[in-house]
Amino acid sequence: MGGDHGPSVTIPAALAFLKREPEAELILVGPEEQVRAELKKHHAAAHPRLSVKHASEVVAMDDPVEVALRRKKDSSMRVAIELVKDGSAAVCVSAGNTGALMAISRYVLKTMPGVDRPAISSILPNQKGGPTYMLDLGANVDCEPHHLHQFAIMGAVLFEAMEHRRPSIGLLNVGTEEIKGTETIKATAALLREDHARGVLNFHGNVEGNDIFKGTVDVVVCDGFVGNVTLKAIEGLSRFVKQTLLETTLSKLGALLARKSLKKLNPESYNGAGLLGLRGLVFKSHGGANAFAYEWALRRAFEAAKYNVQEQLATLIAEMLPAAPASAPVTASAAEAPGSTIKQG
């Protein structure tokens, strides 16, 4: 029910995903009558690997987080997350509001031992032909060094679980020199250098914005303010380039010839961000995602369940994370609405 489009996008995406993944089952969460009506439009009312879980409420795009969390206790977003908690689903996927999704996920699932704040992690393409994982992308605007330290560890664990190799870690900064950056960045770098010396993490050092697409490191760590601004700027640039290439006949011809390479710049192919540090898997789709992009979010979530990312995160985080200082309140983004859950077959 979430995002800018709701079932008109999420249900076609779900059906396309099921064609691709014969082992998967989906639970569609929302007002049952509305969900079934949309399924009927696509001739999928009796799909054997689809079920519907009724939820009487929906988190609106302009609902404050406190309304989503405290008043709408039967929202589709909350019901979907409850399915993960009770083991009915392996992972929840939502195109709903990031702030509401993070708050409800944290309240229902709780954080892993040693994790002070969950973080949002997604992937970007790089020149080496592989993925660059980046976090935090908007869940935590104001971070202390121990928060960024935890993000680095969680990002490293996720990368190793999904890509099956040990990653290099970079700390996003205004320069690569150790003397550059805020006091928070300098203190975080000191913690990561200690981990590198102990062999816990492979810390490359400070990296700059251009290193994200160079593939200088496998995991880029930053606070949620910087990460979200960076991500939105990248998405905007990608769409600007696409629009510019369609302005004249000659540029259209060039775009046609370069279409294979230009696919790497399509942000829709990189939709789906994991909320790391929770006692259950939750993935966030972009609120404005079309069916193609939402299908990608479902695919990433399914892969995380398939590779037992949650179990690996729980085990390795318990081994690697130092005890966190007293937790501070989370600053999260503003509110949208709910999604769907994946049940691994």
C-alpha atoms as a PDB file:
ATOM      1  CA  MET A   1       0.000   0.000   0.000  1.00  0.00           C
ATOM      2  CA  GLY A   2       3.003   2.310   0.305  1.00  0.00           C
ATOM      3  CA  GLY A   3       4.951   4.751  -1.796  1.00  0.00           C
ATOM      4  CA  ASP A   4       3.540   7.107  -4.397  1.00  0.00           C
ATOM      5  CA  HIS A   5       1.560   4.458  -6.291  1.00  0.00           C
ATOM      6  CA  GLY A   6       0.532   1.637  -3.921  1.00  0.00           C
ATOM      7  CA  PRO A   7      -0.939  -1.603  -5.365  1.00  0.00           C
ATOM      8  CA  SER A   8      -0.902  -0.346  -8.964  1.00  0.00           C
ATOM      9  CA  VAL A   9       2.898  -0.716  -8.795  1.00  0.00           C
ATOM     10  CA  THR A  10       3.562  -3.228  -6.017  1.00  0.00           C
ATOM     11  CA  ILE A  11       1.235  -5.955  -7.319  1.00  0.00           C
ATOM     12  CA  PRO A  12       2.521  -5.996 -10.948  1.00  0.00           C
ATOM     13  CA  ALA A  13       6.039  -6.006  -9.495  1.00  0.00           C
ATOM     14  CA  ALA A  14       5.134  -8.906  -7.206  1.00  0.00           C
ATOM     15  CA  LEU A  15       3.765 -10.952 -10.102  1.00  0.00           C
ATOM     16  CA  ALA A  16       6.855 -10.279 -12.248  1.00  0.00           C
ATOM     17  CA  PHE A  17       9.067 -11.247  -9.309  1.00  0.00           C
ATOM     18  CA  LEU A  18       7.251 -14.553  -8.801  1.00  0.00           C
ATOM     19  CA  LYS A  19       7.773 -15.451 -12.469  1.00  0.00           C
ATOM     20  CA  ARG A  20      11.496 -14.950 -11.959  1.00  0.00           C
ATOM     21  CA  GLU A  21      11.768 -16.721  -8.583  1.00  0.00           C
ATOM     22  CA  PRO A  22       9.866 -20.037  -8.566  1.00  0.00           C
ATOM     23  CA  GLU A  23      10.947 -20.782  -4.971  1.00  0.00           C
ATOM     24  CA  ALA A  24       9.456 -17.621  -3.489  1.00  0.00           C
ATOM     25  CA  GLU A  25       6.070 -16.988  -1.913  1.00  0.00           C
ATOM     26  CA  LEU A  26       4.607 -13.545  -1.301  1.00  0.00           C
ATOM     27  CA  ILE A  27       2.220 -12.272   1.342  1.00  0.00           C
ATOM     28  CA  LEU A  28       0.506  -9.075   0.193  1.00  0.00           C
ATOM     29  CA  VAL A  29      -0.439  -6.928   3.180  1.00  0.00           C
ATOM     30  CA  GLY A  30      -3.190  -4.318   3.045  1.00  0.00           C
ATOM     31  CA  PRO A  31      -6.969  -3.820   2.933  1.00  0.00           C
ATOM     32  CA  GLU A  32      -8.007  -7.219   1.603  1.00  0.00           C
ATOM     33  CA  GLU A  33     -10.808  -6.054  -0.679  1.00  0.00           C
ATOM     34  CA  GLN A  34      -8.578  -3.481  -2.383  1.00  0.00           C
ATOM     35  CA  VAL A  35      -5.653  -5.906  -2.760  1.00  0.00           C
ATOM     36  CA  ARG A  36      -7.827  -8.666  -4.216  1.00  0.00           C
ATOM     37  CA  ALA A  37      -9.452  -6.236  -6.640  1.00  0.00           C
ATOM     38  CA  GLU A  38      -6.021  -5.297  -7.983  1.00  0.00           C
ATOM     39  CA  LEU A  39      -5.022  -8.961  -8.254  1.00  0.00           C
ATOM     40  CA  LYS A  40      -8.195  -9.638 -10.225  1.00  0.00           C
ATOM     41  CA  LYS A  41      -7.232  -6.937 -12.734  1.00  0.00           C
ATOM     42  CA  HIS A  42      -4.041  -8.899 -13.430  1.00  0.00           C
ATOM     43  CA  HIS A  43      -5.849 -12.280 -13.560  1.00  0.00           C
ATOM     44  CA  ALA A  44      -3.907 -13.440 -10.510  1.00  0.00           C
ATOM     45  CA  ALA A  45      -6.660 -13.816  -7.901  1.00  0.00           C
ATOM     46  CA  ALA A  46      -5.875 -17.515  -7.467  1.00  0.00           C
ATOM     47  CA  HIS A  47      -2.080 -17.408  -7.786  1.00  0.00           C
ATOM     48  CA  PRO A  48      -0.735 -20.429  -5.833  1.00  0.00           C
ATOM     49  CA  ARG A  49       2.241 -18.545  -4.354  1.00  0.00           C
ATOM     50  CA  LEU A  50       0.374 -15.405  -3.342  1.00  0.00           C
ATOM     51  CA  SER A  51      -1.636 -14.876  -0.173  1.00  0.00           C
ATOM     52  CA  VAL A  52      -3.297 -11.781   1.266  1.00  0.00           C
ATOM     53  CA  LYS A  53      -3.031 -10.630   4.873  1.00  0.00           C
ATOM     54  CA  HIS A  54      -5.700  -8.098   5.823  1.00  0.00           C
ATOM     55  CA  ALA A  55      -4.718  -4.823   7.482  1.00  0.00           C
ATOM     56  CA  SER A  56      -7.454  -2.297   8.222  1.00  0.00           C
ATOM     57  CA  GLU A  57      -5.252   0.817   8.206  1.00  0.00           C
ATOM     58  CA  VAL A  58      -2.682   2.456   5.939  1.00  0.00           C
ATOM     59  CA  VAL A  59       0.066   4.901   6.915  1.00  0.00           C
ATOM     60  CA  ALA A  60      -0.553   8.018   4.834  1.00  0.00           C
ATOM     61  CA  MET A  61       2.217   9.946   3.104  1.00  0.00           C
ATOM     62  CA  ASP A  62       1.801  12.901   5.467  1.00  0.00           C
ATOM     63  CA  ASP A  63       1.318  10.937   8.697  1.00  0.00           C
ATOM     64  CA  PRO A  64       3.802  11.899  11.428  1.00  0.00           C
ATOM     65  CA  VAL A  65       5.945   9.028  12.687  1.00  0.00           C
ATOM     66  CA  GLU A  66       4.176   9.059  16.063  1.00  0.00           C
ATOM     67  CA  VAL A  67       0.812   8.527  14.341  1.00  0.00           C
ATOM     68  CA  ALA A  68       2.169   5.589  12.334  1.00  0.00           C
ATOM     69  CA  LEU A  69       3.752   4.085  15.430  1.00  0.00           C
ATOM     70  CA  ARG A  70       1.205   4.675  18.164  1.00  0.00           C
ATOM     71  CA  ARG A  71      -2.214   5.183  16.584  1.00  0.00           C
ATOM     72  CA  LYS A  72      -2.252   3.014  13.475  1.00  0.00           C
ATOM     73  CA  LYS A  73      -1.496  -0.311  15.102  1.00  0.00           C
ATOM     74  CA  ASP A  74      -3.215  -2.284  12.341  1.00  0.00           C
ATOM     75  CA  SER A  75      -1.477  -0.527   9.457  1.00  0.00           C
ATOM     76  CA  SER A  76      -0.245  -2.680   6.589  1.00  0.00           C
ATOM     77  CA  MET A  77       3.303  -1.571   7.390  1.00  0.00           C
ATOM     78  CA  ARG A  78       3.077  -2.757  10.984  1.00  0.00           C
ATOM     79  CA  VAL A  79       1.268  -5.992  10.135  1.00  0.00           C
ATOM     80  CA  ALA A  80       3.952  -6.814   7.536  1.00  0.00           C
ATOM     81  CA  ILE A  81       6.730  -6.282  10.077  1.00  0.00           C
ATOM     82  CA  GLU A  82       4.849  -8.380  12.644  1.00  0.00           C
ATOM     83  CA  LEU A  83       4.890 -11.248  10.109  1.00  0.00           C
ATOM     84  CA  VAL A  84       8.688 -11.095  10.123  1.00  0.00           C
ATOM     85  CA  LYS A  85       8.758 -11.044  13.906  1.00  0.00           C
ATOM     86  CA  ASP A  86       6.581 -14.139  14.288  1.00  0.00           C
ATOM     87  CA  GLY A  87       8.440 -16.041  11.558  1.00  0.00           C
ATOM     88  CA  SER A  88       5.598 -16.104   9.024  1.00  0.00           C
ATOM     89  CA  ALA A  89       7.801 -14.188   6.567  1.00  0.00           C
ATOM     90  CA  ALA A  90      11.551 -14.095   5.992  1.00  0.00           C
ATOM     91  CA  VAL A  91      11.697 -10.412   5.054  1.00  0.00           C
ATOM     92  CA  CYS A  92       9.457  -7.351   4.769  1.00  0.00           C
ATOM     93  CA  VAL A  93       9.626  -5.027   1.746  1.00  0.00           C
ATOM     94  CA  SER A  94       8.000  -1.593   1.846  1.00  0.00           C
ATOM     95  CA  ALA A  95       7.894   1.477  -0.384  1.00  0.00           C
ATOM     96  CA  GLY A  96       6.464   3.416   2.565  1.00  0.00           C
ATOM     97  CA  ASN A  97       7.863   6.340   4.488  1.00  0.00           C
ATOM     98  CA  THR A  98      11.413   5.764   5.661  1.00  0.00           C
ATOM     99  CA  GLY A  99      10.884   7.346   9.065  1.00  0.00           C
ATOM    100  CA  ALA A 100       7.729   5.362   9.806  1.00  0.00           C
ATOM    101  CA  LEU A 101       9.265   2.132   8.512  1.00  0.00           C
ATOM    102  CA  MET A 102      12.388   2.593  10.611  1.00  0.00           C
ATOM    103  CA  ALA A 103      10.439   3.543  13.753  1.00  0.00           C
ATOM    104  CA  ILE A 104       7.957   0.661  13.493  1.00  0.00           C
ATOM    105  CA  SER A 105      10.681  -1.850  12.565  1.00  0.00           C
ATOM    106  CA  ARG A 106      12.774  -0.777  15.509  1.00  0.00           C
ATOM    107  CA  TYR A 107       9.803  -0.901  17.889  1.00  0.00           C
ATOM    108  CA  VAL A 108       8.486  -4.293  16.735  1.00  0.00           C
ATOM    109  CA  LEU A 109      11.708  -6.148  15.915  1.00  0.00           C
ATOM    110  CA  LYS A 110      14.134  -4.369  18.277  1.00  0.00           C
ATOM    111  CA  THR A 111      17.819  -3.922  17.491  1.00  0.00           C
ATOM    112  CA  MET A 112      20.478  -6.610  17.686  1.00  0.00           C
ATOM    113  CA  PRO A 113      22.559  -6.741  20.865  1.00  0.00           C
ATOM    114  CA  GLY A 114      25.306  -4.128  20.669  1.00  0.00           C
ATOM    115  CA  VAL A 115      23.646  -2.122  17.885  1.00  0.00           C
ATOM    116  CA  ASP A 116      22.709   1.360  19.018  1.00  0.00           C
ATOM    117  CA  ARG A 117      21.025   2.552  15.807  1.00  0.00           C
ATOM    118  CA  PRO A 118      19.920   0.669  12.691  1.00  0.00           C
ATOM    119  CA  ALA A 119      21.247   2.025   9.383  1.00  0.00           C
ATOM    120  CA  ILE A 120      20.016   2.011   5.794  1.00  0.00           C
ATOM    121  CA  SER A 121      22.359   0.374   3.294  1.00  0.00           C
ATOM    122  CA  SER A 122      22.076   0.156  -0.481  1.00  0.00           C
ATOM    123  CA  ILE A 123      24.361  -0.500  -3.445  1.00  0.00           C
ATOM    124  CA  LEU A 124      25.671   1.638  -6.303  1.00  0.00           C
ATOM    125  CA  PRO A 125      27.542   0.586  -9.462  1.00  0.00           C
ATOM    126  CA  ASN A 126      31.241   1.293  -9.883  1.00  0.00           C
ATOM    127  CA  GLN A 127      33.811   1.400 -12.697  1.00  0.00           C
ATOM    128  CA  LYS A 128      35.196  -1.997 -11.716  1.00  0.00           C
ATOM    129  CA  GLY A 129      31.924  -3.680 -12.630  1.00  0.00           C
ATOM    130  CA  GLY A 130      30.980  -4.526  -9.049  1.00  0.00           C
ATOM    131  CA  PRO A 131      28.784  -3.019  -6.344  1.00  0.00           C
ATOM    132  CA  THR A 132      29.718  -0.294  -3.876  1.00  0.00           C
ATOM    133  CA  TYR A 133      27.718  -0.644  -0.654  1.00  0.00           C
ATOM    134  CA  MET A 134      26.931   2.636   1.099  1.00  0.00           C
ATOM    135  CA  LEU A 135      25.455   3.438   4.512  1.00  0.00           C
ATOM    136  CA  ASP A 136      23.795   5.246   6.231  1.00  0.00           C
ATOM    137  CA  LEU A 137      21.434   6.626   3.591  1.00  0.00           C
ATOM    138  CA  GLY A 138      19.026   8.603   5.741  1.00  0.00           C
ATOM    139  CA  ALA A 139      18.043   6.875   8.969  1.00  0.00           C
ATOM    140  CA  ASN A 140      20.453   8.742  11.265  1.00  0.00           C
ATOM    141  CA  VAL A 141      21.141  12.387  10.570  1.00  0.00           C
ATOM    142  CA  ASP A 142      23.239  13.188  13.635  1.00  0.00           C
ATOM    143  CA  CYS A 143      25.842  10.535  14.431  1.00  0.00           C
ATOM    144  CA  GLU A 144      28.585  10.032  16.995  1.00  0.00           C
ATOM    145  CA  PRO A 145      31.819   8.129  16.219  1.00  0.00           C
ATOM    146  CA  HIS A 146      30.552   4.881  17.748  1.00  0.00           C
ATOM    147  CA  HIS A 147      27.489   5.006  15.469  1.00  0.00           C
ATOM    148  CA  LEU A 148      29.632   5.323  12.339  1.00  0.00           C
ATOM    149  CA  HIS A 149      31.870   2.581  13.705  1.00  0.00           C
ATOM    150  CA  GLN A 150      28.849   0.281  14.012  1.00  0.00           C
ATOM    151  CA  PHE A 151      27.738   1.181  10.487  1.00  0.00           C
ATOM    152  CA  ALA A 152      31.151   0.156   9.163  1.00  0.00           C
ATOM    153  CA  ILE A 153      30.933  -3.212  10.885  1.00  0.00           C
ATOM    154  CA  MET A 154      27.357  -3.849   9.716  1.00  0.00           C
ATOM    155  CA  GLY A 155      28.228  -2.808   6.159  1.00  0.00           C
ATOM    156  CA  ALA A 156      31.234  -5.132   6.143  1.00  0.00           C
ATOM    157  CA  VAL A 157      29.152  -8.046   7.400  1.00  0.00           C
ATOM    158  CA  LEU A 158      26.410  -7.434   4.810  1.00  0.00           C
ATOM    159  CA  PHE A 159      28.905  -7.166   1.947  1.00  0.00           C
ATOM    160  CA  GLU A 160      30.672 -10.384   2.943  1.00  0.00           C
ATOM    161  CA  ALA A 161      27.360 -12.236   3.293  1.00  0.00           C
ATOM    162  CA  MET A 162      26.052 -11.087  -0.097  1.00  0.00           C
ATOM    163  CA  GLU A 163      29.251 -10.923  -2.169  1.00  0.00           C
ATOM    164  CA  HIS A 164      31.149 -13.789  -0.501  1.00  0.00           C
ATOM    165  CA  ARG A 165      34.440 -11.956   0.013  1.00  0.00           C
ATOM    166  CA  ARG A 166      36.003  -9.693   2.609  1.00  0.00           C
ATOM    167  CA  PRO A 167      35.399  -6.012   1.792  1.00  0.00           C
ATOM    168  CA  SER A 168      37.531  -2.898   2.066  1.00  0.00           C
ATOM    169  CA  ILE A 169      35.987  -0.050   4.072  1.00  0.00           C
ATOM    170  CA  GLY A 170      36.190   3.676   3.319  1.00  0.00           C
ATOM    171  CA  LEU A 171      35.081   6.604   5.476  1.00  0.00           C
ATOM    172  CA  LEU A 172      33.488   9.358   3.371  1.00  0.00           C
ATOM    173  CA  ASN A 173      35.282  12.653   3.977  1.00  0.00           C
ATOM    174  CA  VAL A 174      36.256  15.969   2.368  1.00  0.00           C
ATOM    175  CA  GLY A 175      39.761  14.663   1.736  1.00  0.00           C
ATOM    176  CA  THR A 176      41.789  11.495   2.067  1.00  0.00           C
ATOM    177  CA  GLU A 177      44.321  12.930   4.543  1.00  0.00           C
ATOM    178  CA  GLU A 178      43.932  11.937   8.197  1.00  0.00           C
ATOM    179  CA  ILE A 179      43.890  15.593   9.310  1.00  0.00           C
ATOM    180  CA  LYS A 180      40.805  16.359   7.165  1.00  0.00           C
ATOM    181  CA  GLY A 181      37.182  16.284   8.308  1.00  0.00           C
ATOM    182  CA  THR A 182      35.139  16.951  11.426  1.00  0.00           C
ATOM    183  CA  GLU A 183      36.099  15.750  14.874  1.00  0.00           C
ATOM    184  CA  THR A 184      33.478  13.007  14.546  1.00  0.00           C
ATOM    185  CA  ILE A 185      35.065  11.735  11.328  1.00  0.00           C
ATOM    186  CA  LYS A 186      38.561  11.853  12.828  1.00  0.00           C
ATOM    187  CA  ALA A 187      37.453   9.937  15.917  1.00  0.00           C
ATOM    188  CA  THR A 188      35.662   7.347  13.747  1.00  0.00           C
ATOM    189  CA  ALA A 189      38.771   6.893  11.611  1.00  0.00           C
ATOM    190  CA  ALA A 190      40.797   6.234  14.753  1.00  0.00           C
ATOM    191  CA  LEU A 191      38.362   3.471  15.799  1.00  0.00           C
ATOM    192  CA  LEU A 192      38.500   1.905  12.326  1.00  0.00           C
ATOM    193  CA  ARG A 193      42.301   2.036  12.243  1.00  0.00           C
ATOM    194  CA  GLU A 194      42.328   0.136  15.534  1.00  0.00           C
ATOM    195  CA  ASP A 195      40.058  -2.507  13.996  1.00  0.00           C
ATOM    196  CA  HIS A 196      42.351  -2.725  10.976  1.00  0.00           C
ATOM    197  CA  ALA A 197      45.403  -3.200  13.211  1.00  0.00           C
ATOM    198  CA  ARG A 198      43.597  -6.035  15.037  1.00  0.00           C
ATOM    199  CA  GLY A 199      42.562  -7.629  11.748  1.00  0.00           C
ATOM    200  CA  VAL A 200      38.843  -7.135  12.448  1.00  0.00           C
ATOM    201  CA  LEU A 201      38.166  -4.863   9.460  1.00  0.00           C
ATOM    202  CA  ASN A 202      39.990  -4.029   6.245  1.00  0.00           C
ATOM    203  CA  PHE A 203      39.991  -0.218   6.620  1.00  0.00           C
ATOM    204  CA  HIS A 204      41.255   1.581   3.523  1.00  0.00           C
ATOM    205  CA  GLY A 205      41.054   5.057   5.068  1.00  0.00           C
ATOM    206  CA  ASN A 206      39.232   8.236   4.114  1.00  0.00           C
ATOM    207  CA  VAL A 207      37.588   8.391   0.692  1.00  0.00           C
ATOM    208  CA  GLU A 208      35.956  11.220  -1.256  1.00  0.00           C
ATOM    209  CA  GLY A 209      32.712  11.381  -3.228  1.00  0.00           C
ATOM    210  CA  ASN A 210      34.359  10.468  -6.533  1.00  0.00           C
ATOM    211  CA  ASP A 211      35.644   7.233  -4.986  1.00  0.00           C
ATOM    212  CA  ILE A 212      32.081   5.876  -4.721  1.00  0.00           C
ATOM    213  CA  PHE A 213      31.865   5.200  -8.462  1.00  0.00           C
ATOM    214  CA  LYS A 214      35.572   4.480  -8.908  1.00  0.00           C
ATOM    215  CA  GLY A 215      35.176   1.396  -6.752  1.00  0.00           C
ATOM    216  CA  THR A 216      38.081   2.497  -4.552  1.00  0.00           C
ATOM    217  CA  VAL A 217      36.495   0.614  -1.655  1.00  0.00           C
ATOM    218  CA  ASP A 218      33.691  -1.919  -1.321  1.00  0.00           C
ATOM    219  CA  VAL A 219      31.827  -0.218   1.541  1.00  0.00           C
ATOM    220  CA  VAL A 220      31.481   3.553   1.994  1.00  0.00           C
ATOM    221  CA  VAL A 221      30.482   4.774   5.474  1.00  0.00           C
ATOM    222  CA  CYS A 222      28.867   8.137   6.275  1.00  0.00           C
ATOM    223  CA  ASP A 223      26.096   9.632   8.409  1.00  0.00           C
ATOM    224  CA  GLY A 224      22.509   9.654   7.168  1.00  0.00           C
ATOM    225  CA  PHE A 225      22.486  13.345   6.266  1.00  0.00           C
ATOM    226  CA  VAL A 226      25.467  13.074   3.925  1.00  0.00           C
ATOM    227  CA  GLY A 227      24.357   9.690   2.605  1.00  0.00           C
ATOM    228  CA  ASN A 228      20.816  10.751   1.754  1.00  0.00           C
ATOM    229  CA  VAL A 229      21.914  13.990   0.054  1.00  0.00           C
ATOM    230  CA  THR A 230      24.516  12.040  -1.945  1.00  0.00           C
ATOM    231  CA  LEU A 231      22.006   9.391  -3.005  1.00  0.00           C
ATOM    232  CA  LYS A 232      19.352  11.912  -4.088  1.00  0.00           C
ATOM    233  CA  ALA A 233      21.971  13.912  -6.021  1.00  0.00           C
ATOM    234  CA  ILE A 234      23.066  10.754  -7.838  1.00  0.00           C
ATOM    235  CA  GLU A 235      19.460   9.850  -8.712  1.00  0.00           C
ATOM    236  CA  GLY A 236      18.809  13.386  -9.962  1.00  0.00           C
ATOM    237  CA  LEU A 237      21.939  13.422 -12.103  1.00  0.00           C
ATOM    238  CA  SER A 238      21.042  10.060 -13.617  1.00  0.00           C
ATOM    239  CA  ARG A 239      17.593  11.302 -14.645  1.00  0.00           C
ATOM    240  CA  PHE A 240      19.061  14.560 -15.962  1.00  0.00           C
ATOM    241  CA  VAL A 241      21.500  12.651 -18.180  1.00  0.00           C
ATOM    242  CA  LYS A 242      18.657  10.450 -19.444  1.00  0.00           C
ATOM    243  CA  GLN A 243      16.486  13.471 -20.227  1.00  0.00           C
ATOM    244  CA  THR A 244      19.346  15.304 -21.974  1.00  0.00           C
ATOM    245  CA  LEU A 245      20.043  12.320 -24.213  1.00  0.00           C
ATOM    246  CA  LEU A 246      16.460  12.401 -25.478  1.00  0.00           C
ATOM    247  CA  GLU A 247      16.449  16.087 -26.499  1.00  0.00           C
ATOM    248  CA  THR A 248      17.578  15.787 -30.139  1.00  0.00           C
ATOM    249  CA  THR A 249      17.533  13.152 -32.836  1.00  0.00           C
ATOM    250  CA  LEU A 250      21.330  12.952 -32.793  1.00  0.00           C
ATOM    251  CA  SER A 251      21.492  12.544 -29.011  1.00  0.00           C
ATOM    252  CA  LYS A 252      18.771   9.872 -29.217  1.00  0.00           C
ATOM    253  CA  LEU A 253      20.889   7.983 -31.745  1.00  0.00           C
ATOM    254  CA  GLY A 254      23.889   8.237 -29.408  1.00  0.00           C
ATOM    255  CA  ALA A 255      21.764   6.990 -26.512  1.00  0.00           C
ATOM    256  CA  LEU A 256      20.575   4.055 -28.628  1.00  0.00           C
ATOM    257  CA  LEU A 257      24.161   3.088 -29.463  1.00  0.00           C
ATOM    258  CA  ALA A 258      25.197   3.437 -25.809  1.00  0.00           C
ATOM    259  CA  ARG A 259      22.070   1.883 -24.293  1.00  0.00           C
ATOM    260  CA  LYS A 260      23.894  -1.104 -22.813  1.00  0.00           C
ATOM    261  CA  SER A 261      26.341   1.119 -20.951  1.00  0.00           C
ATOM    262  CA  LEU A 262      23.645   3.606 -19.945  1.00  0.00           C
ATOM    263  CA  LYS A 263      21.726   0.839 -18.162  1.00  0.00           C
ATOM    264  CA  LYS A 264      24.416   1.016 -15.475  1.00  0.00           C
ATOM    265  CA  LEU A 265      23.230   4.561 -14.681  1.00  0.00           C
ATOM    266  CA  ASN A 266      19.586   3.557 -14.204  1.00  0.00           C
ATOM    267  CA  PRO A 267      18.788   4.084 -10.499  1.00  0.00           C
ATOM    268  CA  GLU A 268      15.780   1.768 -10.831  1.00  0.00           C
ATOM    269  CA  SER A 269      18.166  -1.191 -11.158  1.00  0.00           C
ATOM    270  CA  TYR A 270      19.632  -0.437  -7.722  1.00  0.00           C
ATOM    271  CA  ASN A 271      16.389  -0.038  -5.789  1.00  0.00           C
ATOM    272  CA  GLY A 272      16.091  -1.794  -2.447  1.00  0.00           C
ATOM    273  CA  ALA A 273      17.932  -0.774   0.723  1.00  0.00           C
ATOM    274  CA  GLY A 274      18.377  -2.976   3.784  1.00  0.00           C
ATOM    275  CA  LEU A 275      17.653  -1.729   7.302  1.00  0.00           C
ATOM    276  CA  LEU A 276      20.652  -3.178   9.115  1.00  0.00           C
ATOM    277  CA  GLY A 277      20.939  -3.913  12.822  1.00  0.00           C
ATOM    278  CA  LEU A 278      17.387  -5.153  13.451  1.00  0.00           C
ATOM    279  CA  ARG A 279      16.347  -8.592  14.687  1.00  0.00           C
ATOM    280  CA  GLY A 280      14.681  -9.289  11.361  1.00  0.00           C
ATOM    281  CA  LEU A 281      15.108  -8.417   7.691  1.00  0.00           C
ATOM    282  CA  VAL A 282      13.404  -5.270   6.392  1.00  0.00           C
ATOM    283  CA  PHE A 283      14.036  -3.705   2.961  1.00  0.00           C
ATOM    284  CA  LYS A 284      13.053  -0.208   1.850  1.00  0.00           C
ATOM    285  CA  SER A 285      12.020   0.571  -1.712  1.00  0.00           C
ATOM    286  CA  HIS A 286      12.110   4.105  -3.055  1.00  0.00           C
ATOM    287  CA  GLY A 287       8.713   5.720  -2.561  1.00  0.00           C
ATOM    288  CA  GLY A 288       8.503   6.766  -6.205  1.00  0.00           C
ATOM    289  CA  ALA A 289       9.534   3.354  -7.564  1.00  0.00           C
ATOM    290  CA  ASN A 290       7.816   1.998 -10.659  1.00  0.00           C
ATOM    291  CA  ALA A 291       7.052  -1.710 -11.065  1.00  0.00           C
ATOM    292  CA  PHE A 292      10.493  -2.460 -12.524  1.00  0.00           C
ATOM    293  CA  ALA A 293      12.259  -0.759  -9.612  1.00  0.00           C
ATOM    294  CA  TYR A 294      10.007  -2.333  -6.976  1.00  0.00           C
ATOM    295  CA  GLU A 295      10.696  -5.763  -8.447  1.00  0.00           C
ATOM    296  CA  TRP A 296      14.399  -5.083  -7.907  1.00  0.00           C
ATOM    297  CA  ALA A 297      13.696  -4.334  -4.233  1.00  0.00           C
ATOM    298  CA  LEU A 298      11.890  -7.671  -3.944  1.00  0.00           C
ATOM    299  CA  ARG A 299      14.794  -9.443  -5.614  1.00  0.00           C
ATOM    300  CA  ARG A 300      17.366  -7.922  -3.247  1.00  0.00           C
ATOM    301  CA  ALA A 301      15.242  -8.815  -0.241  1.00  0.00           C
ATOM    302  CA  PHE A 302      14.811 -12.391  -1.497  1.00  0.00           C
ATOM    303  CA  GLU A 303      18.577 -12.757  -2.003  1.00  0.00           C
ATOM    304  CA  ALA A 304      19.177 -11.557   1.556  1.00  0.00           C
ATOM    305  CA  ALA A 305      16.809 -14.226   2.860  1.00  0.00           C
ATOM    306  CA  LYS A 306      18.239 -16.876   0.518  1.00  0.00           C
ATOM    307  CA  TYR A 307      21.804 -16.253   1.703  1.00  0.00           C
ATOM    308  CA  ASN A 308      20.768 -16.216   5.382  1.00  0.00           C
ATOM    309  CA  VAL A 309      22.033 -12.662   5.787  1.00  0.00           C
ATOM    310  CA  GLN A 310      20.120 -12.189   9.050  1.00  0.00           C
ATOM    311  CA  GLU A 311      21.796 -15.169  10.715  1.00  0.00           C
ATOM    312  CA  GLN A 312      25.222 -14.088   9.476  1.00  0.00           C
ATOM    313  CA  LEU A 313      24.640 -10.523  10.639  1.00  0.00           C
ATOM    314  CA  ALA A 314      23.542 -11.679  14.089  1.00  0.00           C
ATOM    315  CA  THR A 315      26.543 -13.974  14.510  1.00  0.00           C
ATOM    316  CA  LEU A 316      29.258 -11.698  13.171  1.00  0.00           C
ATOM    317  CA  ILE A 317      27.925  -8.488  14.718  1.00  0.00           C
ATOM    318  CA  ALA A 318      27.872 -10.175  18.127  1.00  0.00           C
ATOM    319  CA  GLU A 319      31.537 -11.104  17.618  1.00  0.00           C
ATOM    320  CA  MET A 320      32.713  -7.789  16.164  1.00  0.00           C
ATOM    321  CA  LEU A 321      30.726  -4.999  17.781  1.00  0.00           C
ATOM    322  CA  PRO A 322      32.124  -3.422  20.940  1.00  0.00           C
ATOM    323  CA  ALA A 323      29.703  -2.486  23.685  1.00  0.00           C
ATOM    324  CA  ALA A 324      27.915   0.720  22.651  1.00  0.00           C
ATOM    325  CA  PRO A 325      27.641   3.817  24.855  1.00  0.00           C
ATOM    326  CA  ALA A 326      24.228   4.808  26.172  1.00  0.00           C
ATOM    327  CA  SER A 327      21.846   5.091  23.221  1.00  0.00           C
ATOM    328  CA  ALA A 328      20.637   8.443  21.926  1.00  0.00           C
ATOM    329  CA  PRO A 329      17.310   9.177  20.242  1.00  0.00           C
ATOM    330  CA  VAL A 330      17.150   8.343  16.540  1.00  0.00           C
ATOM    331  CA  THR A 331      16.627  11.139  14.032  1.00  0.00           C
ATOM    332  CA  ALA A 332      14.813   9.679  11.050  1.00  0.00           C
ATOM    333  CA  SER A 333      13.317  10.923   7.796  1.00  0.00           C
ATOM    334  CA  ALA A 334       9.688  11.955   7.336  1.00  0.00           C
ATOM    335  CA  ALA A 335       6.674   9.622   6.675  1.00  0.00           C
ATOM    336  CA  GLU A 336       5.134   7.754   3.701  1.00  0.00           C
ATOM    337  CA  ALA A 337       3.364   4.264   3.925  1.00  0.00           C
ATOM    338  CA  PRO A 338       3.507   0.334   3.755  1.00  0.00           C
ATOM    339  CA  GLY A 339       4.468  -2.760   1.639  1.00  0.00           C
ATOM    340  CA  SER A 340       4.769  -6.533   1.180  1.00  0.00           C
ATOM    341  CA  THR A 341       6.558  -9.424   2.780  1.00  0.00           C
ATOM    342  CA  ILE A 342       8.473 -12.312   1.260  1.00  0.00           C
ATOM    343  CA  LYS A 343       8.070 -15.833   2.493  1.00  0.00           C
ATOM    344  CA  GLN A 344      10.906 -18.031   1.293  1.00  0.00           C
ATOM    345  CA  GLY A 345       9.684 -21.325  -0.150  1.00  0.00           C
END
